[in-house]
Amino acid sequence: MMYTLSQIAQTLGRPVEGDGTIRFARVAEPAAAGPGDLALAMSPAYAEALHAGQARVAVLWEGADWRAMGLEGAILVPRARLAMAGITAALDPGPRMNVGLHPTAVVEDGAQIGEGAAIGPFVVIAAGARIGARARIAGHVTVAEEAVIGDDALLMQGVRIGARVRIGDRFIAQPGVVIGGDGFSFVTPEESGVEKARRTLGDQGEITQQKWTRIHSLGSVRIGDDVEVGANSTIDRGTVADTVIGRGTKIDNLVMIGHNNRVGEDCLLCGQVGLAGGSTIGDRVVLAGKVGVSDNITIGNDVVAGGGTEIYSRVRDGEVIMGSPAVKMETNMAMYRALRRLPRALEQLSELRRAVAGMTGGKRDDD
């Protein structure tokens, strides 16, 4: 497809500088941009690279002198990453799917397919399921009985939606997502060594041979509007009540959300985050990569957890935390600096002890 500079400017809500009728087929980094590309140089750091390329039009930082750069047209933006969101949305055609039902798809009796939906090859939609209008479902997706998926959803290849799952509008699931699998919940006939160790903080007591008995998951999963889930992530259904994901939350690849968790609105859960069961996550929480959350705790609104943080206890609203166990980020950085100084401090202590021993003839103070 071809686009004009004016079209992109309208998408961004910004004025066009120069010739808005110039057409381009794709975006490119400044140095690699040719005459038929839109160069993205939204920081002064890219000015030199822009001169190395051959772009006629570009998106630049606010205040840039586009004429001095030899351009014929430009869009000036105050916030680069926000502009990037608008540009990529305008230029991304999404996966190509034909509206209607593919001949190899299986739709059981009682399932409902919304107007304008595209159902791809080898999709299975079970009885009682409902698919919203204009939904796009790629190949090899399964939607179990009585699941509900809202309007304008996009389910990529191999997605699995479990029984009675409820999903809002504009949902996106990348390949391999599993929503509504059984929760990981087992019990022994009598108190297990794990339970004893947790109660006593380490003592398993007398160890006896016992077998695990499954606690079945009777709940399901409930997901709000505008939620996205990354490739190969999983959300388990609840034991009795539903596992809940709030509106606008974005979940990265390889994230595991256990049973009975309640995640708030507009959260970001980055790659390899793991939530054990039964915790409550507030609104606008950001959990960076490899953050682990223990079971049955509460994390307040607007919390930010740095990469690799392990959260074992309640976190108050607005805290910025890091480390294992989690502490305030400034405390963690102070601890890290102290740890780095520890080898030198031990050397100095050893030198001091030798000096003291030399002054006392090798005798200890208490001799």
Protein backbone atom coordinates (compact mmCIF):
# COMPACT_ATOMS: atom_id res chain seq x y z
CA MET A 1 0.00 0.00 0.00
CA MET A 2 0.98 3.60 -0.56
CA TYR A 3 0.44 6.35 2.00
CA THR A 4 0.73 10.13 1.91
CA LEU A 5 2.45 12.28 4.49
CA SER A 6 -0.87 14.05 5.09
CA GLN A 7 -2.56 10.77 5.99
CA ILE A 8 0.02 10.06 8.69
CA ALA A 9 -0.16 13.63 9.97
CA GLN A 10 -3.93 13.32 10.30
CA THR A 11 -3.51 10.06 12.23
CA LEU A 12 -1.09 11.75 14.62
CA GLY A 13 -3.14 14.93 14.93
CA ARG A 14 -0.13 17.00 13.83
CA PRO A 15 0.28 19.58 11.03
CA VAL A 16 2.16 18.79 7.83
CA GLU A 17 5.33 20.72 7.11
CA GLY A 18 6.02 21.05 3.37
CA ASP A 19 4.46 18.80 0.73
CA GLY A 20 1.87 16.50 2.30
CA THR A 21 1.04 14.78 -1.01
CA ILE A 22 4.34 12.90 -1.19
CA ARG A 23 3.69 9.18 -1.15
CA PHE A 24 5.67 6.39 0.48
CA ALA A 25 5.30 2.64 0.87
CA ARG A 26 7.03 1.94 4.18
CA VAL A 27 8.85 3.43 7.13
CA ALA A 28 12.61 3.09 7.56
CA GLU A 29 15.45 4.04 9.86
CA PRO A 30 17.02 7.35 8.78
CA ALA A 31 20.27 6.07 7.28
CA ALA A 32 18.52 3.27 5.38
CA ALA A 33 15.59 5.34 4.10
CA GLY A 34 15.22 5.72 0.35
CA PRO A 35 13.21 8.20 -1.72
CA GLY A 36 10.08 6.05 -1.35
CA ASP A 37 10.29 5.69 2.45
CA LEU A 38 9.15 7.68 5.46
CA ALA A 39 12.21 8.15 7.67
CA LEU A 40 11.68 7.99 11.43
CA ALA A 41 14.14 10.41 13.07
CA MET A 42 12.28 11.63 16.15
CA SER A 43 15.35 12.64 18.16
CA PRO A 44 18.25 15.02 17.38
CA ALA A 45 20.53 12.00 17.78
CA TYR A 46 19.27 10.78 14.37
CA ALA A 47 20.07 13.98 12.46
CA GLU A 48 23.41 12.77 11.11
CA ALA A 49 21.91 9.43 10.06
CA LEU A 50 19.13 11.25 8.25
CA HIS A 51 21.71 13.10 6.13
CA ALA A 52 23.23 9.72 5.21
CA GLY A 53 19.91 8.45 3.83
CA GLN A 54 17.86 9.53 0.82
CA ALA A 55 14.47 10.17 2.39
CA ARG A 56 12.26 12.91 0.98
CA VAL A 57 9.93 12.93 4.00
CA ALA A 58 10.43 12.20 7.67
CA VAL A 59 8.89 12.28 11.12
CA LEU A 60 11.12 14.52 13.24
CA TRP A 61 11.43 15.85 16.77
CA GLU A 62 9.57 19.04 17.62
CA GLY A 63 11.54 22.12 16.63
CA ALA A 64 13.66 20.37 13.99
CA ASP A 65 14.70 22.40 10.90
CA TRP A 66 13.43 20.02 8.25
CA ARG A 67 14.40 22.27 5.34
CA ALA A 68 18.04 22.34 6.44
CA MET A 69 17.98 18.54 6.30
CA GLY A 70 17.06 18.61 2.62
CA LEU A 71 13.57 17.20 3.13
CA GLU A 72 10.52 18.01 1.04
CA GLY A 73 8.04 17.36 3.86
CA ALA A 74 7.96 16.47 7.52
CA ILE A 75 5.83 15.91 10.60
CA LEU A 76 7.16 17.27 13.90
CA VAL A 77 6.15 15.38 17.05
CA PRO A 78 6.70 16.16 20.75
CA ARG A 79 6.67 12.57 22.02
CA ALA A 80 8.48 10.00 19.90
CA ARG A 81 7.10 6.76 21.34
CA LEU A 82 3.53 8.01 21.27
CA ALA A 83 4.00 8.99 17.64
CA MET A 84 5.46 5.55 16.96
CA ALA A 85 2.27 3.97 18.29
CA GLY A 86 0.15 5.99 15.87
CA ILE A 87 2.43 5.43 12.87
CA THR A 88 2.71 1.68 13.34
CA ALA A 89 -1.05 1.35 13.88
CA ALA A 90 -1.72 3.23 10.63
CA LEU A 91 0.74 1.15 8.59
CA ASP A 92 0.09 -2.31 10.05
CA PRO A 93 -2.42 -4.19 7.86
CA GLY A 94 -2.70 -7.06 10.34
CA PRO A 95 -3.06 -10.70 9.34
CA ARG A 96 -4.99 -11.39 6.16
CA MET A 97 -8.12 -13.42 6.87
CA ASN A 98 -11.14 -13.92 4.68
CA VAL A 99 -14.50 -13.09 6.21
CA GLY A 100 -16.61 -16.20 6.67
CA LEU A 101 -16.09 -19.80 7.67
CA HIS A 102 -13.18 -21.81 6.27
CA PRO A 103 -14.27 -25.19 4.85
CA THR A 104 -12.11 -27.08 7.36
CA ALA A 105 -13.44 -25.24 10.42
CA VAL A 106 -15.78 -27.04 12.82
CA VAL A 107 -18.59 -25.07 14.45
CA GLU A 108 -20.75 -27.21 16.71
CA ASP A 109 -24.51 -26.83 17.01
CA GLY A 110 -25.53 -23.94 19.22
CA ALA A 111 -22.39 -21.87 18.66
CA GLN A 112 -22.95 -18.31 17.49
CA ILE A 113 -20.70 -16.46 15.05
CA GLY A 114 -21.01 -12.66 14.84
CA GLU A 115 -21.46 -10.69 11.65
CA GLY A 116 -18.29 -10.15 9.64
CA ALA A 117 -16.21 -12.68 11.59
CA ALA A 118 -13.37 -14.55 9.87
CA ILE A 119 -12.94 -18.17 11.01
CA GLY A 120 -9.72 -19.75 9.72
CA PRO A 121 -8.65 -23.29 8.82
CA PHE A 122 -9.05 -26.13 11.34
CA VAL A 123 -10.67 -23.88 13.94
CA VAL A 124 -12.99 -25.66 16.40
CA ILE A 125 -15.76 -23.72 18.11
CA ALA A 126 -17.70 -25.77 20.64
CA ALA A 127 -21.40 -25.79 21.42
CA GLY A 128 -22.72 -22.71 23.20
CA ALA A 129 -19.70 -20.55 22.38
CA ARG A 130 -20.29 -17.03 21.10
CA ILE A 131 -17.91 -15.16 18.79
CA GLY A 132 -18.37 -11.40 18.42
CA ALA A 133 -18.76 -9.33 15.29
CA ARG A 134 -15.70 -8.85 13.07
CA ALA A 135 -13.62 -11.26 15.15
CA ARG A 136 -10.63 -12.76 13.35
CA ILE A 137 -9.65 -16.28 14.35
CA ALA A 138 -6.57 -17.80 12.72
CA GLY A 139 -5.86 -21.45 12.03
CA HIS A 140 -5.90 -24.24 14.64
CA VAL A 141 -7.64 -22.19 17.33
CA THR A 142 -10.04 -23.93 19.71
CA VAL A 143 -12.84 -22.20 21.61
CA ALA A 144 -14.42 -24.46 24.22
CA GLU A 145 -18.05 -24.76 25.25
CA GLU A 146 -19.95 -21.65 26.37
CA ALA A 147 -16.94 -19.36 25.98
CA VAL A 148 -17.74 -15.79 24.95
CA ILE A 149 -15.40 -13.63 22.86
CA GLY A 150 -16.26 -9.97 22.20
CA ASP A 151 -16.30 -7.88 19.03
CA ASP A 152 -13.18 -7.17 16.95
CA ALA A 153 -11.10 -9.85 18.66
CA LEU A 154 -7.94 -11.25 17.09
CA LEU A 155 -6.89 -14.81 18.00
CA MET A 156 -3.68 -15.92 16.32
CA GLN A 157 -2.59 -19.44 15.44
CA GLY A 158 -2.92 -22.16 18.07
CA VAL A 159 -4.77 -20.14 20.72
CA ARG A 160 -6.81 -22.19 23.20
CA ILE A 161 -9.83 -20.66 24.95
CA GLY A 162 -11.28 -22.81 27.74
CA ALA A 163 -14.83 -23.50 28.81
CA ARG A 164 -16.99 -20.60 30.02
CA VAL A 165 -14.22 -18.03 29.58
CA ARG A 166 -15.61 -14.50 29.12
CA ILE A 167 -13.54 -12.07 27.03
CA GLY A 168 -14.38 -8.45 26.17
CA ASP A 169 -14.05 -6.48 22.96
CA ARG A 170 -10.86 -5.86 20.96
CA PHE A 171 -9.01 -8.72 22.60
CA ILE A 172 -5.70 -9.81 21.06
CA ALA A 173 -4.08 -13.19 21.72
CA GLN A 174 -0.75 -14.02 20.09
CA PRO A 175 0.16 -17.58 18.98
CA GLY A 176 0.05 -20.31 21.59
CA VAL A 177 -1.94 -18.46 24.27
CA VAL A 178 -3.92 -20.72 26.62
CA ILE A 179 -6.73 -19.15 28.63
CA GLY A 180 -8.82 -21.21 31.01
CA GLY A 181 -6.58 -24.18 31.69
CA ASP A 182 -6.98 -25.99 34.99
CA GLY A 183 -5.50 -24.32 38.06
CA PHE A 184 -2.49 -25.98 39.76
CA SER A 185 -4.10 -26.96 43.04
CA PHE A 186 -3.46 -30.20 44.96
CA VAL A 187 -3.83 -31.39 48.55
CA THR A 188 -2.71 -34.34 50.68
CA PRO A 189 -4.99 -36.25 53.11
CA GLU A 190 -3.05 -34.83 56.08
CA GLU A 191 -0.82 -31.80 56.49
CA SER A 192 2.05 -32.12 54.03
CA GLY A 193 5.70 -31.34 54.60
CA VAL A 194 5.30 -28.23 52.46
CA GLU A 195 2.45 -26.95 54.64
CA LYS A 196 4.42 -27.66 57.81
CA ALA A 197 7.50 -25.93 56.46
CA ARG A 198 5.47 -22.87 55.56
CA ARG A 199 3.77 -22.77 58.95
CA THR A 200 7.00 -23.24 60.90
CA LEU A 201 9.29 -21.40 58.49
CA GLY A 202 11.40 -24.41 57.66
CA ASP A 203 10.60 -27.47 59.79
CA GLN A 204 8.84 -30.26 57.86
CA GLY A 205 8.43 -32.35 60.98
CA GLU A 206 8.09 -36.11 60.57
CA ILE A 207 8.01 -36.96 56.88
CA THR A 208 5.26 -39.37 55.87
CA GLN A 209 4.43 -40.77 52.44
CA GLN A 210 1.28 -39.16 51.02
CA LYS A 211 -0.25 -38.77 47.56
CA TRP A 212 -1.54 -35.59 45.99
CA THR A 213 -5.26 -35.19 45.34
CA ARG A 214 -6.48 -32.73 42.71
CA ILE A 215 -8.67 -29.77 43.66
CA HIS A 216 -10.75 -29.22 40.54
CA SER A 217 -11.24 -25.76 39.01
CA LEU A 218 -14.95 -24.92 38.89
CA GLY A 219 -14.50 -21.24 38.04
CA SER A 220 -13.29 -19.82 34.75
CA VAL A 221 -11.54 -16.66 33.47
CA ARG A 222 -13.05 -13.20 32.94
CA ILE A 223 -11.18 -10.66 30.79
CA GLY A 224 -12.14 -7.02 30.17
CA ASP A 225 -12.03 -4.97 26.98
CA ASP A 226 -8.81 -4.03 25.17
CA VAL A 227 -6.65 -6.72 26.75
CA GLU A 228 -3.67 -8.20 24.88
CA VAL A 229 -1.87 -11.45 25.72
CA GLY A 230 1.54 -12.37 24.30
CA ALA A 231 2.71 -15.62 22.74
CA ASN A 232 2.70 -18.78 24.86
CA SER A 233 1.27 -17.08 27.95
CA THR A 234 -1.24 -18.87 30.16
CA ILE A 235 -4.10 -17.77 32.42
CA ASP A 236 -5.57 -20.50 34.65
CA ARG A 237 -9.21 -20.57 35.60
CA GLY A 238 -10.28 -20.09 39.21
CA THR A 239 -11.12 -22.77 41.72
CA VAL A 240 -14.57 -21.38 42.57
CA ALA A 241 -14.56 -17.70 41.57
CA ASP A 242 -13.15 -16.62 38.21
CA THR A 243 -9.61 -15.48 37.57
CA VAL A 244 -9.98 -11.83 36.46
CA ILE A 245 -7.93 -9.64 34.10
CA GLY A 246 -8.98 -5.97 34.06
CA ARG A 247 -9.69 -3.74 31.10
CA GLY A 248 -6.70 -2.48 29.12
CA THR A 249 -4.11 -4.75 30.70
CA LYS A 250 -1.25 -5.88 28.44
CA ILE A 251 0.49 -9.21 29.04
CA ASP A 252 3.81 -10.11 27.41
CA ASN A 253 5.11 -13.46 26.12
CA LEU A 254 5.67 -16.39 28.48
CA VAL A 255 3.67 -14.97 31.37
CA MET A 256 1.97 -17.39 33.77
CA ILE A 257 -1.08 -16.20 35.74
CA GLY A 258 -2.25 -18.80 38.24
CA HIS A 259 -5.75 -19.55 39.47
CA ASN A 260 -7.87 -17.07 41.46
CA ASN A 261 -5.68 -14.06 40.69
CA ARG A 262 -7.35 -10.69 40.15
CA VAL A 263 -5.33 -8.33 37.94
CA GLY A 264 -6.51 -4.71 37.70
CA GLU A 265 -6.91 -2.33 34.78
CA ASP A 266 -4.16 -0.94 32.52
CA CYS A 267 -1.42 -3.13 33.98
CA LEU A 268 1.75 -4.19 32.15
CA LEU A 269 3.02 -7.72 32.85
CA CYS A 270 6.33 -8.23 31.06
CA GLY A 271 8.00 -11.43 29.85
CA GLN A 272 8.32 -14.39 32.23
CA VAL A 273 6.26 -12.80 35.00
CA GLY A 274 4.68 -15.45 37.21
CA LEU A 275 1.73 -14.99 39.56
CA ALA A 276 0.98 -17.74 42.06
CA GLY A 277 -2.65 -18.24 43.03
CA GLY A 278 -5.04 -15.98 44.84
CA SER A 279 -3.28 -12.61 44.70
CA THR A 280 -4.83 -9.22 43.92
CA ILE A 281 -2.96 -6.82 41.64
CA GLY A 282 -4.13 -3.18 41.56
CA ASP A 283 -4.61 -0.86 38.60
CA ARG A 284 -1.74 0.47 36.46
CA VAL A 285 0.78 -1.91 37.99
CA VAL A 286 3.96 -2.60 36.00
CA LEU A 287 5.77 -5.89 36.63
CA ALA A 288 9.03 -6.01 34.67
CA GLY A 289 10.58 -9.17 33.27
CA LYS A 290 10.88 -12.27 35.49
CA VAL A 291 8.99 -10.75 38.42
CA GLY A 292 7.51 -13.42 40.70
CA VAL A 293 4.48 -12.84 42.91
CA SER A 294 3.73 -15.15 45.84
CA ASP A 295 0.25 -16.47 46.54
CA ASN A 296 -2.50 -14.68 48.45
CA ILE A 297 -0.94 -11.22 48.69
CA THR A 298 -2.10 -7.76 47.62
CA ILE A 299 -0.21 -5.35 45.38
CA GLY A 300 -1.61 -1.80 45.39
CA ASN A 301 -2.32 0.58 42.54
CA ASP A 302 0.49 2.18 40.49
CA VAL A 303 3.21 -0.14 41.78
CA VAL A 304 6.34 -0.60 39.64
CA ALA A 305 8.49 -3.71 40.18
CA GLY A 306 11.92 -3.85 38.54
CA GLY A 307 13.17 -6.88 36.61
CA GLY A 308 13.72 -10.07 38.61
CA THR A 309 11.87 -8.81 41.68
CA GLU A 310 10.36 -11.44 43.95
CA ILE A 311 7.32 -10.22 45.89
CA TYR A 312 6.43 -12.19 49.02
CA SER A 313 4.30 -9.69 50.96
CA ARG A 314 1.88 -6.80 50.54
CA VAL A 315 2.99 -3.78 48.50
CA ARG A 316 1.44 -0.36 49.13
CA ASP A 317 0.06 1.94 46.45
CA GLY A 318 2.63 3.73 44.32
CA GLU A 319 5.74 1.95 45.60
CA VAL A 320 8.69 1.31 43.27
CA ILE A 321 10.35 -1.92 44.32
CA MET A 322 13.19 -4.23 43.31
CA GLY A 323 15.14 -7.24 44.52
CA SER A 324 14.60 -10.55 46.27
CA PRO A 325 12.88 -10.18 48.59
CA ALA A 326 11.35 -6.99 47.24
CA VAL A 327 12.31 -3.71 48.92
CA LYS A 328 12.08 -0.10 47.79
CA MET A 329 14.25 0.43 44.73
CA GLU A 330 16.54 2.98 46.41
CA THR A 331 17.07 0.54 49.28
CA ASN A 332 17.88 -2.26 46.85
CA MET A 333 20.43 -0.10 45.03
CA ALA A 334 22.07 0.85 48.34
CA MET A 335 22.24 -2.84 49.28
CA TYR A 336 23.77 -3.65 45.89
CA ARG A 337 26.41 -0.96 46.24
CA ALA A 338 27.24 -2.23 49.72
CA LEU A 339 27.53 -5.78 48.39
CA ARG A 340 29.97 -4.66 45.69
CA ARG A 341 32.10 -2.97 48.35
CA LEU A 342 32.05 -6.04 50.62
CA PRO A 343 35.17 -7.85 49.22
CA ARG A 344 37.29 -4.70 49.63
CA ALA A 345 35.84 -4.10 53.09
CA LEU A 346 36.78 -7.65 54.12
CA GLU A 347 40.31 -7.13 52.80
CA GLN A 348 40.60 -3.93 54.82
CA LEU A 349 39.30 -5.71 57.92
CA SER A 350 41.84 -8.49 57.44
CA GLU A 351 44.65 -5.93 57.08
CA LEU A 352 43.46 -4.16 60.22
CA ARG A 353 43.40 -7.40 62.21
CA ARG A 354 46.96 -8.20 61.11
CA ALA A 355 48.09 -4.71 62.09
CA VAL A 356 46.47 -4.98 65.51
CA ALA A 357 47.98 -8.45 66.00
CA GLY A 358 51.42 -7.03 65.19
CA MET A 359 51.05 -4.26 67.75
CA THR A 360 49.96 -6.64 70.52
CA GLY A 361 52.57 -9.27 69.77
CA GLY A 362 50.03 -11.60 68.31
CA LYS A 363 48.01 -11.68 71.50
CA ARG A 364 44.28 -11.19 71.56
CA ASP A 365 42.78 -8.39 73.64
CA ASP A 366 41.26 -10.88 76.06
CA ASP A 367 44.51 -12.84 76.68
